[in-house]
N, C-alpha and C. Protein backbone atom coordinates (compact mmCIF):
# COMPACT_ATOMS: atom_id res chain seq x y z
N UNK A 1 0.26 -32.72 -9.02
CA UNK A 1 -0.46 -33.70 -8.22
C UNK A 1 -0.74 -34.94 -9.06
N UNK A 2 -0.54 -36.08 -8.48
CA UNK A 2 -0.78 -37.35 -9.18
C UNK A 2 -2.23 -37.77 -8.96
N UNK A 3 -2.87 -38.12 -10.05
CA UNK A 3 -4.25 -38.60 -10.02
C UNK A 3 -4.24 -40.10 -10.31
N UNK A 4 -4.79 -40.88 -9.40
CA UNK A 4 -4.93 -42.32 -9.61
C UNK A 4 -6.33 -42.61 -10.13
N UNK A 5 -6.42 -43.45 -11.15
CA UNK A 5 -7.71 -43.88 -11.68
C UNK A 5 -7.70 -45.40 -11.83
N UNK A 6 -8.87 -45.96 -11.79
CA UNK A 6 -9.04 -47.40 -11.92
C UNK A 6 -9.59 -47.68 -13.32
N UNK A 7 -8.91 -48.56 -14.06
CA UNK A 7 -9.37 -48.86 -15.41
C UNK A 7 -10.15 -50.17 -15.49
N UNK A 8 -9.88 -51.09 -14.54
CA UNK A 8 -10.59 -52.37 -14.60
C UNK A 8 -10.39 -53.12 -13.29
N UNK A 9 -11.37 -53.95 -12.97
CA UNK A 9 -11.28 -54.86 -11.83
C UNK A 9 -11.47 -56.28 -12.33
N UNK A 10 -10.63 -57.19 -11.84
CA UNK A 10 -10.83 -58.62 -12.09
C UNK A 10 -11.39 -59.19 -10.80
N UNK A 11 -12.43 -60.03 -10.92
CA UNK A 11 -13.06 -60.57 -9.71
C UNK A 11 -13.45 -62.01 -9.92
N UNK A 12 -13.59 -62.70 -8.80
CA UNK A 12 -14.09 -64.07 -8.84
C UNK A 12 -15.60 -64.01 -9.01
N UNK A 13 -16.13 -64.79 -9.92
CA UNK A 13 -17.57 -64.74 -10.17
C UNK A 13 -18.38 -65.45 -9.08
N UNK A 14 -17.73 -66.30 -8.31
CA UNK A 14 -18.47 -67.03 -7.28
C UNK A 14 -18.88 -66.14 -6.11
N UNK A 15 -18.01 -65.16 -5.78
CA UNK A 15 -18.34 -64.30 -4.63
C UNK A 15 -18.02 -62.83 -4.87
N UNK A 16 -17.65 -62.48 -6.11
CA UNK A 16 -17.33 -61.10 -6.50
C UNK A 16 -16.12 -60.52 -5.79
N UNK A 17 -15.26 -61.38 -5.26
CA UNK A 17 -14.05 -60.89 -4.60
C UNK A 17 -13.10 -60.32 -5.66
N UNK A 18 -12.65 -59.09 -5.46
CA UNK A 18 -11.75 -58.44 -6.40
C UNK A 18 -10.33 -58.98 -6.18
N UNK A 19 -9.78 -59.60 -7.22
CA UNK A 19 -8.45 -60.19 -7.12
C UNK A 19 -7.37 -59.29 -7.70
N UNK A 20 -7.72 -58.51 -8.73
CA UNK A 20 -6.73 -57.65 -9.37
C UNK A 20 -7.37 -56.31 -9.73
N UNK A 21 -6.62 -55.25 -9.43
CA UNK A 21 -7.03 -53.90 -9.78
C UNK A 21 -6.05 -53.38 -10.82
N UNK A 22 -6.56 -52.94 -11.95
CA UNK A 22 -5.75 -52.32 -13.00
C UNK A 22 -5.89 -50.80 -12.80
N UNK A 23 -4.75 -50.14 -12.63
CA UNK A 23 -4.80 -48.72 -12.31
C UNK A 23 -3.81 -47.90 -13.13
N UNK A 24 -4.10 -46.60 -13.21
CA UNK A 24 -3.24 -45.63 -13.87
C UNK A 24 -2.96 -44.51 -12.89
N UNK A 25 -1.78 -43.93 -13.00
CA UNK A 25 -1.44 -42.72 -12.25
C UNK A 25 -0.96 -41.70 -13.27
N UNK A 26 -1.46 -40.47 -13.17
CA UNK A 26 -1.17 -39.44 -14.16
C UNK A 26 -0.87 -38.12 -13.47
N UNK A 27 0.11 -37.42 -14.01
CA UNK A 27 0.40 -36.04 -13.61
C UNK A 27 0.33 -35.17 -14.85
N UNK A 28 -0.19 -33.96 -14.71
CA UNK A 28 -0.26 -33.02 -15.81
C UNK A 28 0.27 -31.67 -15.33
N UNK A 29 1.08 -31.05 -16.18
CA UNK A 29 1.59 -29.71 -15.91
C UNK A 29 1.48 -28.93 -17.20
N UNK A 30 0.40 -28.18 -17.34
CA UNK A 30 0.16 -27.45 -18.59
C UNK A 30 -0.01 -28.41 -19.74
N UNK A 31 0.82 -28.26 -20.77
CA UNK A 31 0.71 -29.13 -21.95
C UNK A 31 1.48 -30.43 -21.80
N UNK A 32 2.15 -30.62 -20.67
CA UNK A 32 2.96 -31.82 -20.43
C UNK A 32 2.20 -32.78 -19.52
N UNK A 33 2.34 -34.06 -19.82
CA UNK A 33 1.73 -35.05 -18.94
C UNK A 33 2.57 -36.33 -18.96
N UNK A 34 2.43 -37.08 -17.88
CA UNK A 34 3.11 -38.36 -17.75
C UNK A 34 2.17 -39.30 -17.03
N UNK A 35 2.24 -40.57 -17.39
CA UNK A 35 1.37 -41.54 -16.73
C UNK A 35 2.06 -42.89 -16.64
N UNK A 36 1.51 -43.71 -15.78
CA UNK A 36 1.99 -45.08 -15.63
C UNK A 36 0.79 -45.98 -15.41
N UNK A 37 0.94 -47.23 -15.78
CA UNK A 37 -0.11 -48.23 -15.62
C UNK A 37 0.47 -49.39 -14.83
N UNK A 38 -0.32 -49.95 -13.94
CA UNK A 38 0.13 -51.13 -13.22
C UNK A 38 -1.09 -51.87 -12.68
N UNK A 39 -0.83 -52.93 -11.95
CA UNK A 39 -1.89 -53.70 -11.31
C UNK A 39 -1.53 -53.92 -9.85
N UNK A 40 -2.55 -54.16 -9.07
CA UNK A 40 -2.38 -54.57 -7.67
C UNK A 40 -3.22 -55.82 -7.48
N UNK A 41 -2.62 -56.82 -6.87
CA UNK A 41 -3.31 -58.09 -6.66
C UNK A 41 -3.66 -58.25 -5.19
N UNK A 42 -4.80 -58.91 -4.94
CA UNK A 42 -5.28 -59.09 -3.58
C UNK A 42 -5.72 -60.53 -3.37
N UNK A 43 -5.53 -61.00 -2.16
CA UNK A 43 -5.99 -62.33 -1.75
C UNK A 43 -6.97 -62.13 -0.60
N UNK A 44 -7.86 -63.05 -0.45
CA UNK A 44 -8.85 -62.93 0.64
C UNK A 44 -8.17 -62.81 2.00
N UNK A 45 -7.02 -63.44 2.14
CA UNK A 45 -6.31 -63.40 3.41
C UNK A 45 -5.84 -61.99 3.77
N UNK A 46 -5.71 -61.12 2.76
CA UNK A 46 -5.29 -59.74 3.01
C UNK A 46 -6.32 -58.99 3.85
N UNK A 47 -7.59 -59.38 3.72
CA UNK A 47 -8.65 -58.71 4.46
C UNK A 47 -8.87 -57.27 4.04
N UNK A 48 -8.44 -56.92 2.82
CA UNK A 48 -8.49 -55.53 2.38
C UNK A 48 -9.82 -55.16 1.76
N UNK A 49 -10.21 -55.89 0.74
CA UNK A 49 -11.38 -55.48 -0.04
C UNK A 49 -12.62 -56.27 0.35
N UNK A 50 -13.13 -55.97 1.49
CA UNK A 50 -14.31 -56.68 1.99
C UNK A 50 -15.61 -55.92 1.74
N UNK A 51 -15.53 -54.83 1.00
CA UNK A 51 -16.73 -54.08 0.64
C UNK A 51 -17.46 -54.87 -0.46
N UNK A 52 -18.76 -55.05 -0.34
CA UNK A 52 -19.47 -55.76 -1.41
C UNK A 52 -19.23 -55.11 -2.77
N UNK A 53 -19.03 -55.94 -3.77
CA UNK A 53 -18.68 -55.47 -5.11
C UNK A 53 -19.62 -54.37 -5.60
N UNK A 54 -20.90 -54.56 -5.43
CA UNK A 54 -21.88 -53.60 -5.94
C UNK A 54 -21.83 -52.26 -5.20
N UNK A 55 -21.18 -52.22 -4.05
CA UNK A 55 -21.08 -50.99 -3.26
C UNK A 55 -19.74 -50.27 -3.44
N UNK A 56 -18.85 -50.84 -4.23
CA UNK A 56 -17.53 -50.24 -4.42
C UNK A 56 -17.62 -48.89 -5.12
N UNK A 57 -16.71 -47.99 -4.75
CA UNK A 57 -16.56 -46.72 -5.43
C UNK A 57 -15.12 -46.61 -5.93
N UNK A 58 -14.87 -45.76 -6.90
CA UNK A 58 -13.48 -45.56 -7.34
C UNK A 58 -12.57 -45.14 -6.18
N UNK A 59 -13.09 -44.33 -5.28
CA UNK A 59 -12.29 -43.88 -4.13
C UNK A 59 -11.88 -45.04 -3.24
N UNK A 60 -12.79 -46.00 -3.04
CA UNK A 60 -12.46 -47.19 -2.24
C UNK A 60 -11.28 -47.93 -2.86
N UNK A 61 -11.36 -48.16 -4.17
CA UNK A 61 -10.36 -48.98 -4.84
C UNK A 61 -9.03 -48.24 -4.96
N UNK A 62 -9.06 -46.93 -5.19
CA UNK A 62 -7.82 -46.15 -5.20
C UNK A 62 -7.16 -46.24 -3.83
N UNK A 63 -7.94 -46.20 -2.79
CA UNK A 63 -7.39 -46.33 -1.42
C UNK A 63 -6.69 -47.69 -1.25
N UNK A 64 -7.29 -48.76 -1.78
CA UNK A 64 -6.65 -50.08 -1.72
C UNK A 64 -5.30 -50.05 -2.42
N UNK A 65 -5.29 -49.46 -3.63
CA UNK A 65 -4.06 -49.41 -4.41
C UNK A 65 -2.98 -48.63 -3.65
N UNK A 66 -3.34 -47.46 -3.16
CA UNK A 66 -2.35 -46.64 -2.44
C UNK A 66 -1.87 -47.34 -1.18
N UNK A 67 -2.77 -48.01 -0.48
CA UNK A 67 -2.36 -48.75 0.71
C UNK A 67 -1.41 -49.89 0.35
N UNK A 68 -1.67 -50.55 -0.78
CA UNK A 68 -0.80 -51.65 -1.20
C UNK A 68 0.59 -51.13 -1.61
N UNK A 69 0.64 -49.92 -2.15
CA UNK A 69 1.92 -49.32 -2.54
C UNK A 69 2.69 -48.79 -1.32
N UNK A 70 1.95 -48.35 -0.32
CA UNK A 70 2.57 -47.72 0.84
C UNK A 70 2.97 -46.29 0.52
N UNK A 71 3.29 -45.53 1.56
CA UNK A 71 3.66 -44.13 1.37
C UNK A 71 4.89 -43.99 0.47
N UNK A 72 5.87 -44.85 0.67
CA UNK A 72 7.09 -44.78 -0.14
C UNK A 72 6.81 -45.09 -1.60
N UNK A 73 5.94 -46.06 -1.86
CA UNK A 73 5.60 -46.41 -3.24
C UNK A 73 4.85 -45.30 -3.95
N UNK A 74 3.90 -44.68 -3.25
CA UNK A 74 3.16 -43.55 -3.83
C UNK A 74 4.12 -42.40 -4.10
N UNK A 75 5.03 -42.11 -3.16
CA UNK A 75 6.00 -41.03 -3.34
C UNK A 75 6.92 -41.33 -4.52
N UNK A 76 7.30 -42.59 -4.71
CA UNK A 76 8.16 -42.96 -5.84
C UNK A 76 7.45 -42.72 -7.17
N UNK A 77 6.16 -43.04 -7.22
CA UNK A 77 5.39 -42.80 -8.45
C UNK A 77 5.27 -41.31 -8.70
N UNK A 78 4.98 -40.53 -7.66
CA UNK A 78 4.90 -39.07 -7.81
C UNK A 78 6.21 -38.52 -8.39
N UNK A 79 7.32 -38.95 -7.83
CA UNK A 79 8.63 -38.47 -8.26
C UNK A 79 8.95 -38.89 -9.69
N UNK A 80 8.66 -40.14 -10.03
CA UNK A 80 8.94 -40.62 -11.38
C UNK A 80 8.13 -39.85 -12.42
N UNK A 81 6.87 -39.58 -12.13
CA UNK A 81 6.04 -38.83 -13.07
C UNK A 81 6.52 -37.38 -13.18
N UNK A 82 6.87 -36.77 -12.05
CA UNK A 82 7.39 -35.40 -12.06
C UNK A 82 8.70 -35.32 -12.84
N UNK A 83 9.57 -36.32 -12.67
CA UNK A 83 10.83 -36.35 -13.42
C UNK A 83 10.58 -36.49 -14.91
N UNK A 84 9.60 -37.30 -15.28
CA UNK A 84 9.25 -37.48 -16.69
C UNK A 84 8.81 -36.15 -17.29
N UNK A 85 7.97 -35.42 -16.57
CA UNK A 85 7.51 -34.11 -17.06
C UNK A 85 8.67 -33.14 -17.16
N UNK A 86 9.56 -33.14 -16.17
CA UNK A 86 10.72 -32.25 -16.20
C UNK A 86 11.58 -32.52 -17.44
N UNK A 87 11.74 -33.80 -17.80
CA UNK A 87 12.51 -34.14 -19.00
C UNK A 87 11.79 -33.72 -20.29
N UNK A 88 10.48 -33.74 -20.26
CA UNK A 88 9.74 -33.26 -21.42
C UNK A 88 9.94 -31.75 -21.59
N UNK A 89 9.99 -31.03 -20.48
CA UNK A 89 10.16 -29.57 -20.52
C UNK A 89 11.58 -29.18 -20.92
N UNK A 90 12.55 -29.95 -20.49
CA UNK A 90 13.97 -29.65 -20.76
C UNK A 90 14.67 -30.94 -21.16
N UNK A 91 14.45 -31.39 -22.39
CA UNK A 91 15.01 -32.66 -22.83
C UNK A 91 16.54 -32.67 -22.77
N UNK A 92 17.10 -33.83 -22.46
CA UNK A 92 18.54 -34.00 -22.42
C UNK A 92 19.08 -34.52 -23.75
N UNK A 93 18.19 -34.99 -24.60
CA UNK A 93 18.57 -35.54 -25.91
C UNK A 93 17.65 -34.92 -26.96
N UNK A 94 18.24 -34.60 -28.10
CA UNK A 94 17.46 -34.03 -29.21
C UNK A 94 17.78 -34.82 -30.48
N UNK A 95 16.87 -34.80 -31.40
CA UNK A 95 17.07 -35.46 -32.69
C UNK A 95 16.95 -34.42 -33.80
N UNK A 96 17.41 -34.77 -34.96
CA UNK A 96 17.29 -33.87 -36.10
C UNK A 96 18.59 -33.74 -36.85
N UNK A 97 18.64 -32.80 -37.75
CA UNK A 97 19.84 -32.52 -38.51
C UNK A 97 20.08 -31.01 -38.47
N UNK A 98 21.34 -30.58 -38.68
CA UNK A 98 21.64 -29.16 -38.60
C UNK A 98 21.29 -28.38 -39.86
N UNK A 99 20.82 -29.01 -40.91
CA UNK A 99 20.50 -28.29 -42.13
C UNK A 99 19.03 -28.20 -42.40
């Protein structure tokens, strides 16, 4: 399962409108893990983040990020992280020497 977390919000100081969300997505399978970092940008015209800044929760902002990615984008991140873990479990390339 992919866990989305919010690491930072950029906002306009005049009205606290959140313009950029910095987020991470992580999958863990036992001792293996994979993660990715990205940002999502918003404009007032989007009408997305109209919750007052002081009332925001991580769940609200993760919902914005997932909505901005769409179902296909979220599925692509899930697959990429799962593939990364699969390669960690069964690497296709190895390093070292035979002696």
